[in-house]
PDB file of N, CA and C in Angstrom:
ATOM      1  N   UNK A   1     175.894  34.697 -51.369  1.00  0.00           N
ATOM      2  CA  UNK A   1     174.351  35.029 -51.251  1.00  0.00           C
ATOM      3  C   UNK A   1     174.021  36.321 -50.697  1.00  0.00           C
ATOM      4  N   UNK A   2     174.909  36.530 -49.567  1.00  0.00           N
ATOM      5  CA  UNK A   2     174.426  37.997 -48.874  1.00  0.00           C
ATOM      6  C   UNK A   2     174.591  38.924 -49.756  1.00  0.00           C
ATOM      7  N   UNK A   3     175.684  38.934 -50.584  1.00  0.00           N
ATOM      8  CA  UNK A   3     175.881  40.101 -51.486  1.00  0.00           C
ATOM      9  C   UNK A   3     174.801  40.295 -52.454  1.00  0.00           C
ATOM     10  N   UNK A   4     174.153  39.190 -52.744  1.00  0.00           N
ATOM     11  CA  UNK A   4     172.948  39.412 -53.824  1.00  0.00           C
ATOM     12  C   UNK A   4     171.638  39.572 -53.126  1.00  0.00           C
ATOM     13  N   UNK A   5     171.745  39.858 -51.744  1.00  0.00           N
ATOM     14  CA  UNK A   5     170.421  40.248 -51.047  1.00  0.00           C
ATOM     15  C   UNK A   5     170.383  41.745 -50.841  1.00  0.00           C
ATOM     16  N   UNK A   6     169.177  42.032 -50.295  1.00  0.00           N
ATOM     17  CA  UNK A   6     168.934  43.676 -49.867  1.00  0.00           C
ATOM     18  C   UNK A   6     168.297  43.759 -48.714  1.00  0.00           C
ATOM     19  N   UNK A   7     167.547  42.656 -48.128  1.00  0.00           N
ATOM     20  CA  UNK A   7     167.064  42.902 -46.723  1.00  0.00           C
ATOM     21  C   UNK A   7     167.523  41.787 -45.935  1.00  0.00           C
ATOM     22  N   UNK A   8     167.559  41.929 -44.574  1.00  0.00           N
ATOM     23  CA  UNK A   8     167.692  41.042 -43.755  1.00  0.00           C
ATOM     24  C   UNK A   8     166.764  40.724 -42.624  1.00  0.00           C
ATOM     25  N   UNK A   9     165.688  39.895 -42.946  1.00  0.00           N
ATOM     26  CA  UNK A   9     164.579  39.750 -42.165  1.00  0.00           C
ATOM     27  C   UNK A   9     164.900  38.651 -41.211  1.00  0.00           C
ATOM     28  N   UNK A  10     165.133  38.951 -39.881  1.00  0.00           N
ATOM     29  CA  UNK A  10     165.521  37.921 -38.856  1.00  0.00           C
ATOM     30  C   UNK A  10     164.319  37.755 -37.882  1.00  0.00           C
ATOM     31  N   UNK A  11     164.147  36.373 -37.718  1.00  0.00           N
ATOM     32  CA  UNK A  11     162.934  35.941 -36.676  1.00  0.00           C
ATOM     33  C   UNK A  11     163.318  35.233 -35.727  1.00  0.00           C
ATOM     34  N   UNK A  12     164.727  35.149 -35.585  1.00  0.00           N
ATOM     35  CA  UNK A  12     165.377  34.439 -34.396  1.00  0.00           C
ATOM     36  C   UNK A  12     164.581  34.704 -32.957  1.00  0.00           C
ATOM     37  N   UNK A  13     164.284  33.639 -32.067  1.00  0.00           N
ATOM     38  CA  UNK A  13     163.971  33.869 -30.837  1.00  0.00           C
ATOM     39  C   UNK A  13     165.159  33.987 -29.795  1.00  0.00           C
ATOM     40  N   UNK A  14     166.323  33.639 -30.194  1.00  0.00           N
ATOM     41  CA  UNK A  14     167.303  33.547 -29.372  1.00  0.00           C
ATOM     42  C   UNK A  14     168.731  33.648 -30.024  1.00  0.00           C
ATOM     43  N   UNK A  15     169.584  34.509 -29.712  1.00  0.00           N
ATOM     44  CA  UNK A  15     170.838  34.600 -30.570  1.00  0.00           C
ATOM     45  C   UNK A  15     171.776  35.295 -29.343  1.00  0.00           C
ATOM     46  N   UNK A  16     173.006  34.466 -29.287  1.00  0.00           N
ATOM     47  CA  UNK A  16     174.099  35.096 -28.252  1.00  0.00           C
ATOM     48  C   UNK A  16     174.680  36.208 -28.625  1.00  0.00           C
ATOM     49  N   UNK A  17     175.358  36.301 -29.746  1.00  0.00           N
ATOM     50  CA  UNK A  17     176.125  37.280 -30.367  1.00  0.00           C
ATOM     51  C   UNK A  17     175.561  38.058 -31.682  1.00  0.00           C
ATOM     52  N   UNK A  18     175.037  37.184 -32.586  1.00  0.00           N
ATOM     53  CA  UNK A  18     174.364  37.660 -33.714  1.00  0.00           C
ATOM     54  C   UNK A  18     175.553  38.030 -34.754  1.00  0.00           C
ATOM     55  N   UNK A  19     176.431  37.075 -34.850  1.00  0.00           N
ATOM     56  CA  UNK A  19     177.649  37.318 -35.743  1.00  0.00           C
ATOM     57  C   UNK A  19     177.305  37.274 -37.204  1.00  0.00           C
ATOM     58  N   UNK A  20     176.261  36.355 -37.653  1.00  0.00           N
ATOM     59  CA  UNK A  20     175.541  36.361 -38.967  1.00  0.00           C
ATOM     60  C   UNK A  20     174.990  37.573 -39.339  1.00  0.00           C
ATOM     61  N   UNK A  21     174.382  38.305 -38.288  1.00  0.00           N
ATOM     62  CA  UNK A  21     173.847  39.601 -38.709  1.00  0.00           C
ATOM     63  C   UNK A  21     174.764  40.609 -38.791  1.00  0.00           C
ATOM     64  N   UNK A  22     175.795  40.590 -37.930  1.00  0.00           N
ATOM     65  CA  UNK A  22     176.783  41.412 -38.197  1.00  0.00           C
ATOM     66  C   UNK A  22     177.449  41.421 -39.654  1.00  0.00           C
ATOM     67  N   UNK A  23     177.746  40.223 -40.085  1.00  0.00           N
ATOM     68  CA  UNK A  23     178.151  40.127 -41.499  1.00  0.00           C
ATOM     69  C   UNK A  23     177.411  40.496 -42.505  1.00  0.00           C
ATOM     70  N   UNK A  24     176.075  40.397 -42.307  1.00  0.00           N
ATOM     71  CA  UNK A  24     174.860  40.862 -43.283  1.00  0.00           C
ATOM     72  C   UNK A  24     174.895  42.385 -43.231  1.00  0.00           C
ATOM     73  N   UNK A  25     174.994  42.942 -41.963  1.00  0.00           N
ATOM     74  CA  UNK A  25     175.057  44.357 -41.926  1.00  0.00           C
ATOM     75  C   UNK A  25     176.197  44.971 -42.481  1.00  0.00           C
ATOM     76  N   UNK A  26     177.430  44.430 -42.400  1.00  0.00           N
ATOM     77  CA  UNK A  26     178.599  44.789 -43.189  1.00  0.00           C
ATOM     78  C   UNK A  26     178.408  44.836 -44.454  1.00  0.00           C
ATOM     79  N   UNK A  27     177.588  43.945 -45.150  1.00  0.00           N
ATOM     80  CA  UNK A  27     177.421  43.861 -46.600  1.00  0.00           C
ATOM     81  C   UNK A  27     176.306  44.759 -46.991  1.00  0.00           C
ATOM     82  N   UNK A  28     175.710  45.507 -46.107  1.00  0.00           N
ATOM     83  CA  UNK A  28     174.746  46.440 -46.442  1.00  0.00           C
ATOM     84  C   UNK A  28     173.434  46.215 -46.518  1.00  0.00           C
ATOM     85  N   UNK A  29     173.065  45.036 -46.079  1.00  0.00           N
ATOM     86  CA  UNK A  29     171.615  44.439 -46.011  1.00  0.00           C
ATOM     87  C   UNK A  29     170.752  45.488 -44.997  1.00  0.00           C
ATOM     88  N   UNK A  30     169.540  45.705 -45.385  1.00  0.00           N
ATOM     89  CA  UNK A  30     168.721  46.583 -44.666  1.00  0.00           C
ATOM     90  C   UNK A  30     168.100  45.504 -43.624  1.00  0.00           C
ATOM     91  N   UNK A  31     168.293  45.783 -42.164  1.00  0.00           N
ATOM     92  CA  UNK A  31     167.751  44.869 -41.176  1.00  0.00           C
ATOM     93  C   UNK A  31     166.351  44.968 -40.726  1.00  0.00           C
ATOM     94  N   UNK A  32     165.811  43.784 -40.558  1.00  0.00           N
ATOM     95  CA  UNK A  32     164.436  44.037 -40.035  1.00  0.00           C
ATOM     96  C   UNK A  32     164.652  42.921 -38.812  1.00  0.00           C
ATOM     97  N   UNK A  33     164.760  43.562 -37.483  1.00  0.00           N
ATOM     98  CA  UNK A  33     165.227  42.464 -36.357  1.00  0.00           C
ATOM     99  C   UNK A  33     164.315  42.644 -35.082  1.00  0.00           C
ATOM    100  N   UNK A  34     164.235  41.386 -34.379  1.00  0.00           N
ATOM    101  CA  UNK A  34     163.404  41.380 -33.362  1.00  0.00           C
ATOM    102  C   UNK A  34     163.763  42.342 -32.143  1.00  0.00           C
ATOM    103  N   UNK A  35     162.990  42.961 -31.368  1.00  0.00           N
ATOM    104  CA  UNK A  35     163.304  43.814 -30.183  1.00  0.00           C
ATOM    105  C   UNK A  35     163.944  43.094 -29.203  1.00  0.00           C
ATOM    106  N   UNK A  36     164.666  43.614 -28.170  1.00  0.00           N
ATOM    107  CA  UNK A  36     165.005  43.052 -26.965  1.00  0.00           C
ATOM    108  C   UNK A  36     165.997  41.884 -27.290  1.00  0.00           C
ATOM    109  N   UNK A  37     166.956  41.857 -28.282  1.00  0.00           N
ATOM    110  CA  UNK A  37     167.968  40.769 -28.196  1.00  0.00           C
ATOM    111  C   UNK A  37     169.234  41.541 -28.487  1.00  0.00           C
ATOM    112  N   UNK A  38     170.280  40.785 -28.676  1.00  0.00           N
ATOM    113  CA  UNK A  38     171.672  41.323 -28.863  1.00  0.00           C
ATOM    114  C   UNK A  38     171.756  42.303 -29.986  1.00  0.00           C
ATOM    115  N   UNK A  39     170.903  42.384 -30.928  1.00  0.00           N
ATOM    116  CA  UNK A  39     171.016  43.066 -32.133  1.00  0.00           C
ATOM    117  C   UNK A  39     171.221  44.544 -31.843  1.00  0.00           C
ATOM    118  N   UNK A  40     170.302  45.044 -30.856  1.00  0.00           N
ATOM    119  CA  UNK A  40     170.380  46.435 -30.558  1.00  0.00           C
ATOM    120  C   UNK A  40     171.797  47.018 -30.408  1.00  0.00           C
ATOM    121  N   UNK A  41     172.646  46.162 -29.878  1.00  0.00           N
ATOM    122  CA  UNK A  41     173.880  46.529 -29.374  1.00  0.00           C
ATOM    123  C   UNK A  41     174.817  46.684 -30.679  1.00  0.00           C
ATOM    124  N   UNK A  42     174.420  46.094 -31.764  1.00  0.00           N
ATOM    125  CA  UNK A  42     175.310  46.167 -33.170  1.00  0.00           C
ATOM    126  C   UNK A  42     175.021  47.459 -33.940  1.00  0.00           C
ATOM    127  N   UNK A  43     173.850  48.039 -33.500  1.00  0.00           N
ATOM    128  CA  UNK A  43     173.493  49.241 -34.595  1.00  0.00           C
ATOM    129  C   UNK A  43     173.625  50.626 -33.826  1.00  0.00           C
ATOM    130  N   UNK A  44     174.028  51.510 -34.733  1.00  0.00           N
ATOM    131  CA  UNK A  44     174.133  52.964 -33.772  1.00  0.00           C
ATOM    132  C   UNK A  44     172.817  53.455 -33.417  1.00  0.00           C
ATOM    133  N   UNK A  45     172.857  54.547 -32.700  1.00  0.00           N
ATOM    134  CA  UNK A  45     171.480  54.973 -32.227  1.00  0.00           C
ATOM    135  C   UNK A  45     170.751  55.599 -33.536  1.00  0.00           C
ATOM    136  N   UNK A  46     169.593  55.718 -33.490  1.00  0.00           N
ATOM    137  CA  UNK A  46     168.655  56.174 -34.514  1.00  0.00           C
ATOM    138  C   UNK A  46     168.251  55.178 -35.654  1.00  0.00           C
ATOM    139  N   UNK A  47     168.472  53.886 -35.083  1.00  0.00           N
ATOM    140  CA  UNK A  47     167.850  52.690 -36.074  1.00  0.00           C
ATOM    141  C   UNK A  47     166.863  51.968 -35.404  1.00  0.00           C
ATOM    142  N   UNK A  48     166.147  52.509 -34.567  1.00  0.00           N
ATOM    143  CA  UNK A  48     165.045  51.936 -33.831  1.00  0.00           C
ATOM    144  C   UNK A  48     164.008  51.390 -34.747  1.00  0.00           C
ATOM    145  N   UNK A  49     163.784  51.960 -35.993  1.00  0.00           N
ATOM    146  CA  UNK A  49     162.888  51.569 -37.028  1.00  0.00           C
ATOM    147  C   UNK A  49     163.090  50.227 -37.404  1.00  0.00           C
ATOM    148  N   UNK A  50     164.179  49.749 -37.388  1.00  0.00           N
ATOM    149  CA  UNK A  50     164.516  48.308 -37.704  1.00  0.00           C
ATOM    150  C   UNK A  50     163.936  47.466 -36.973  1.00  0.00           C
ATOM    151  N   UNK A  51     163.598  47.568 -35.735  1.00  0.00           N
ATOM    152  CA  UNK A  51     163.062  46.457 -34.691  1.00  0.00           C
ATOM    153  C   UNK A  51     161.607  46.321 -34.803  1.00  0.00           C
ATOM    154  N   UNK A  52     161.163  45.140 -34.544  1.00  0.00           N
ATOM    155  CA  UNK A  52     159.722  44.863 -34.447  1.00  0.00           C
ATOM    156  C   UNK A  52     159.505  43.980 -33.125  1.00  0.00           C
ATOM    157  N   UNK A  53     158.304  44.035 -32.860  1.00  0.00           N
ATOM    158  CA  UNK A  53     157.728  43.152 -31.926  1.00  0.00           C
ATOM    159  C   UNK A  53     156.526  42.403 -32.309  1.00  0.00           C
ATOM    160  N   UNK A  54     156.535  41.229 -32.438  1.00  0.00           N
ATOM    161  CA  UNK A  54     155.214  40.388 -32.806  1.00  0.00           C
ATOM    162  C   UNK A  54     155.331  40.244 -34.259  1.00  0.00           C
ATOM    163  N   UNK A  55     154.648  39.327 -34.869  1.00  0.00           N
ATOM    164  CA  UNK A  55     154.434  38.765 -36.069  1.00  0.00           C
ATOM    165  C   UNK A  55     153.953  40.058 -37.012  1.00  0.00           C
ATOM    166  N   UNK A  56     152.893  40.744 -36.522  1.00  0.00           N
ATOM    167  CA  UNK A  56     152.398  41.807 -37.452  1.00  0.00           C
ATOM    168  C   UNK A  56     153.210  42.781 -37.784  1.00  0.00           C
ATOM    169  N   UNK A  57     154.183  43.271 -36.710  1.00  0.00           N
ATOM    170  CA  UNK A  57     154.988  44.261 -36.921  1.00  0.00           C
ATOM    171  C   UNK A  57     156.172  43.702 -37.813  1.00  0.00           C
ATOM    172  N   UNK A  58     156.678  42.361 -37.629  1.00  0.00           N
ATOM    173  CA  UNK A  58     157.559  41.754 -38.284  1.00  0.00           C
ATOM    174  C   UNK A  58     157.076  41.813 -39.899  1.00  0.00           C
ATOM    175  N   UNK A  59     155.817  41.689 -40.463  1.00  0.00           N
ATOM    176  CA  UNK A  59     155.409  41.803 -41.555  1.00  0.00           C
ATOM    177  C   UNK A  59     155.413  43.134 -42.310  1.00  0.00           C
ATOM    178  N   UNK A  60     155.014  43.978 -41.419  1.00  0.00           N
ATOM    179  CA  UNK A  60     154.849  45.403 -41.718  1.00  0.00           C
ATOM    180  C   UNK A  60     156.284  45.998 -41.881  1.00  0.00           C
ATOM    181  N   UNK A  61     157.180  45.695 -40.928  1.00  0.00           N
ATOM    182  CA  UNK A  61     158.561  46.275 -41.209  1.00  0.00           C
ATOM    183  C   UNK A  61     159.403  45.620 -42.485  1.00  0.00           C
ATOM    184  N   UNK A  62     159.069  44.304 -42.824  1.00  0.00           N
ATOM    185  CA  UNK A  62     159.648  43.686 -43.794  1.00  0.00           C
ATOM    186  C   UNK A  62     159.074  44.383 -45.127  1.00  0.00           C
ATOM    187  N   UNK A  63     157.825  44.564 -45.147  1.00  0.00           N
ATOM    188  CA  UNK A  63     157.245  45.167 -46.275  1.00  0.00           C
ATOM    189  C   UNK A  63     157.733  46.503 -46.392  1.00  0.00           C
ATOM    190  N   UNK A  64     157.934  47.365 -45.360  1.00  0.00           N
ATOM    191  CA  UNK A  64     158.535  48.617 -45.577  1.00  0.00           C
ATOM    192  C   UNK A  64     159.828  48.614 -46.021  1.00  0.00           C
ATOM    193  N   UNK A  65     160.623  47.632 -45.482  1.00  0.00           N
ATOM    194  CA  UNK A  65     162.160  47.634 -46.135  1.00  0.00           C
ATOM    195  C   UNK A  65     162.127  47.344 -47.440  1.00  0.00           C
ATOM    196  N   UNK A  66     161.331  46.417 -48.034  1.00  0.00           N
ATOM    197  CA  UNK A  66     161.198  46.292 -49.303  1.00  0.00           C
ATOM    198  C   UNK A  66     160.728  47.433 -50.247  1.00  0.00           C
ATOM    199  N   UNK A  67     159.856  48.221 -49.716  1.00  0.00           N
ATOM    200  CA  UNK A  67     159.466  49.354 -50.466  1.00  0.00           C
ATOM    201  C   UNK A  67     160.491  50.719 -50.309  1.00  0.00           C
ATOM    202  N   UNK A  68     161.212  50.424 -49.349  1.00  0.00           N
ATOM    203  CA  UNK A  68     162.151  51.733 -49.300  1.00  0.00           C
ATOM    204  C   UNK A  68     163.602  51.289 -49.429  1.00  0.00           C
ATOM    205  N   UNK A  69     163.959  50.325 -50.224  1.00  0.00           N
ATOM    206  CA  UNK A  69     165.365  49.875 -50.340  1.00  0.00           C
ATOM    207  C   UNK A  69     166.227  50.764 -51.070  1.00  0.00           C
ATOM    208  N   UNK A  70     165.712  51.522 -51.863  1.00  0.00           N
ATOM    209  CA  UNK A  70     166.539  52.770 -52.448  1.00  0.00           C
ATOM    210  C   UNK A  70     166.998  54.030 -51.340  1.00  0.00           C
ATOM    211  N   UNK A  71     166.196  53.962 -50.247  1.00  0.00           N
ATOM    212  CA  UNK A  71     166.481  55.024 -49.096  1.00  0.00           C
ATOM    213  C   UNK A  71     167.333  54.630 -48.152  1.00  0.00           C
ATOM    214  N   UNK A  72     167.473  53.203 -47.997  1.00  0.00           N
ATOM    215  CA  UNK A  72     168.515  52.864 -46.935  1.00  0.00           C
ATOM    216  C   UNK A  72     169.954  52.984 -47.193  1.00  0.00           C
ATOM    217  N   UNK A  73     170.567  53.797 -46.189  1.00  0.00           N
ATOM    218  CA  UNK A  73     171.960  54.203 -46.432  1.00  0.00           C
ATOM    219  C   UNK A  73     172.623  53.553 -45.169  1.00  0.00           C
ATOM    220  N   UNK A  74     173.327  52.306 -45.769  1.00  0.00           N
ATOM    221  CA  UNK A  74     174.070  51.710 -44.625  1.00  0.00           C
ATOM    222  C   UNK A  74     175.297  52.159 -44.198  1.00  0.00           C
ATOM    223  N   UNK A  75     175.787  53.254 -44.711  1.00  0.00           N
ATOM    224  CA  UNK A  75     177.012  53.857 -44.372  1.00  0.00           C
ATOM    225  C   UNK A  75     177.289  54.116 -42.713  1.00  0.00           C
ATOM    226  N   UNK A  76     176.306  54.525 -42.129  1.00  0.00           N
ATOM    227  CA  UNK A  76     176.403  54.744 -40.676  1.00  0.00           C
ATOM    228  C   UNK A  76     176.607  53.446 -40.123  1.00  0.00           C
ATOM    229  N   UNK A  77     175.829  52.469 -40.495  1.00  0.00           N
ATOM    230  CA  UNK A  77     175.994  51.084 -39.803  1.00  0.00           C
ATOM    231  C   UNK A  77     177.316  50.558 -39.954  1.00  0.00           C
ATOM    232  N   UNK A  78     177.651  50.564 -41.286  1.00  0.00           N
ATOM    233  CA  UNK A  78     179.231  50.088 -41.541  1.00  0.00           C
ATOM    234  C   UNK A  78     180.072  50.723 -40.825  1.00  0.00           C
ATOM    235  N   UNK A  79     180.108  52.086 -40.793  1.00  0.00           N
ATOM    236  CA  UNK A  79     181.150  52.730 -39.922  1.00  0.00           C
ATOM    237  C   UNK A  79     181.087  52.425 -38.524  1.00  0.00           C
ATOM    238  N   UNK A  80     179.891  52.305 -37.997  1.00  0.00           N
ATOM    239  CA  UNK A  80     179.832  51.925 -36.519  1.00  0.00           C
ATOM    240  C   UNK A  80     180.256  50.403 -36.313  1.00  0.00           C
ATOM    241  N   UNK A  81     179.889  49.658 -37.298  1.00  0.00           N
ATOM    242  CA  UNK A  81     180.352  48.123 -36.978  1.00  0.00           C
ATOM    243  C   UNK A  81     182.129  48.120 -37.092  1.00  0.00           C
ATOM    244  N   UNK A  82     182.543  48.795 -38.160  1.00  0.00           N
ATOM    245  CA  UNK A  82     183.832  48.875 -38.231  1.00  0.00           C
ATOM    246  C   UNK A  82     184.806  49.359 -37.058  1.00  0.00           C
ATOM    247  N   UNK A  83     184.181  50.326 -36.551  1.00  0.00           N
ATOM    248  CA  UNK A  83     184.773  51.003 -35.308  1.00  0.00           C
ATOM    249  C   UNK A  83     184.798  49.936 -33.972  1.00  0.00           C
ATOM    250  N   UNK A  84     183.431  49.291 -34.067  1.00  0.00           N
ATOM    251  CA  UNK A  84     183.440  48.454 -32.875  1.00  0.00           C
ATOM    252  C   UNK A  84     183.974  47.247 -33.048  1.00  0.00           C
ATOM    253  N   UNK A  85     184.186  46.802 -34.149  1.00  0.00           N
ATOM    254  CA  UNK A  85     184.818  45.403 -34.445  1.00  0.00           C
ATOM    255  C   UNK A  85     185.979  45.294 -35.161  1.00  0.00           C
ATOM    256  N   UNK A  86     186.765  46.316 -35.167  1.00  0.00           N
ATOM    257  CA  UNK A  86     187.982  46.564 -35.796  1.00  0.00           C
ATOM    258  C   UNK A  86     188.904  45.541 -35.132  1.00  0.00           C
ATOM    259  N   UNK A  87     189.571  44.549 -35.951  1.00  0.00           N
ATOM    260  CA  UNK A  87     190.338  43.555 -35.262  1.00  0.00           C
ATOM    261  C   UNK A  87     191.672  44.216 -34.525  1.00  0.00           C
ATOM    262  N   UNK A  88     192.207  45.180 -35.082  1.00  0.00           N
ATOM    263  CA  UNK A  88     193.264  45.901 -34.515  1.00  0.00           C
ATOM    264  C   UNK A  88     192.983  46.174 -32.915  1.00  0.00           C
ATOM    265  N   UNK A  89     191.666  47.074 -32.852  1.00  0.00           N
ATOM    266  CA  UNK A  89     191.291  47.246 -31.455  1.00  0.00           C
ATOM    267  C   UNK A  89     190.957  46.145 -30.594  1.00  0.00           C
ATOM    268  N   UNK A  90     190.320  45.168 -31.164  1.00  0.00           N
ATOM    269  CA  UNK A  90     189.961  43.915 -30.506  1.00  0.00           C
ATOM    270  C   UNK A  90     191.370  43.197 -29.963  1.00  0.00           C
ATOM    271  N   UNK A  91     192.201  43.112 -30.796  1.00  0.00           N
ATOM    272  CA  UNK A  91     193.659  42.436 -30.377  1.00  0.00           C
ATOM    273  C   UNK A  91     194.272  43.351 -29.346  1.00  0.00           C
ATOM    274  N   UNK A  92     194.344  44.535 -29.499  1.00  0.00           N
ATOM    275  CA  UNK A  92     194.871  45.433 -28.401  1.00  0.00           C
ATOM    276  C   UNK A  92     194.114  45.278 -27.086  1.00  0.00           C
ATOM    277  N   UNK A  93     192.947  45.174 -27.078  1.00  0.00           N
ATOM    278  CA  UNK A  93     192.200  44.979 -25.914  1.00  0.00           C
ATOM    279  C   UNK A  93     192.473  43.802 -25.169  1.00  0.00           C
ATOM    280  N   UNK A  94     192.468  42.555 -26.006  1.00  0.00           N
ATOM    281  CA  UNK A  94     192.846  41.398 -25.458  1.00  0.00           C
ATOM    282  C   UNK A  94     194.354  41.378 -24.848  1.00  0.00           C
ATOM    283  N   UNK A  95     195.167  41.925 -25.805  1.00  0.00           N
ATOM    284  CA  UNK A  95     196.851  42.026 -25.027  1.00  0.00           C
ATOM    285  C   UNK A  95     196.705  42.768 -23.750  1.00  0.00           C
ATOM    286  N   UNK A  96     195.949  43.863 -23.655  1.00  0.00           N
ATOM    287  CA  UNK A  96     195.878  44.576 -22.289  1.00  0.00           C
ATOM    288  C   UNK A  96     195.336  43.616 -21.272  1.00  0.00           C
ATOM    289  N   UNK A  97     194.104  43.046 -21.607  1.00  0.00           N
ATOM    290  CA  UNK A  97     193.590  42.223 -20.647  1.00  0.00           C
ATOM    291  C   UNK A  97     194.508  41.039 -20.060  1.00  0.00           C
ATOM    292  N   UNK A  98     195.133  40.280 -21.027  1.00  0.00           N
ATOM    293  CA  UNK A  98     196.091  39.109 -20.777  1.00  0.00           C
ATOM    294  C   UNK A  98     197.478  39.778 -19.976  1.00  0.00           C
ATOM    295  N   UNK A  99     197.731  41.076 -20.362  1.00  0.00           N
ATOM    296  CA  UNK A  99     198.998  41.596 -19.620  1.00  0.00           C
ATOM    297  C   UNK A  99     198.573  41.891 -18.185  1.00  0.00           C
ATOM    298  N   UNK A 100     197.489  42.309 -17.887  1.00  0.00           N
ATOM    299  CA  UNK A 100     196.920  42.617 -16.512  1.00  0.00           C
ATOM    300  C   UNK A 100     196.941  41.276 -15.731  1.00  0.00           C
ATOM    301  N   UNK A 101     196.548  40.237 -16.442  1.00  0.00           N
ATOM    302  CA  UNK A 101     196.353  38.903 -15.855  1.00  0.00           C
ATOM    303  C   UNK A 101     197.507  38.076 -15.628  1.00  0.00           C
ATOM    304  N   UNK A 102     198.544  38.680 -16.261  1.00  0.00           N
ATOM    305  CA  UNK A 102     200.024  38.294 -16.023  1.00  0.00           C
ATOM    306  C   UNK A 102     200.142  36.842 -17.021  1.00  0.00           C
ATOM    307  N   UNK A 103     199.300  36.686 -17.992  1.00  0.00           N
ATOM    308  CA  UNK A 103     199.234  35.644 -18.887  1.00  0.00           C
ATOM    309  C   UNK A 103     200.481  35.786 -20.015  1.00  0.00           C
TER     310      UNK A 103
END
């Protein structure tokens, strides 16, 4: 279903990690995300236009996302996420942590 979609309008009021958002971003969906949540940590700088505050901005940003689908280039987001969540890097980080702890 994600691969057949184009935008990701999120109206969550709470999210701990946002793994479903990360997955959708990996697939190239153009995000429309609430401000002041964990989602800002997942995007590289310069993607402030994706964030909204309140229902009116949500509607406006979703409309703009639909109108600008052909202009959205998810390459920067995809590269950022691949670097941040590369499993080899994550495993190496855990290995170092547990080695320090003597586990």
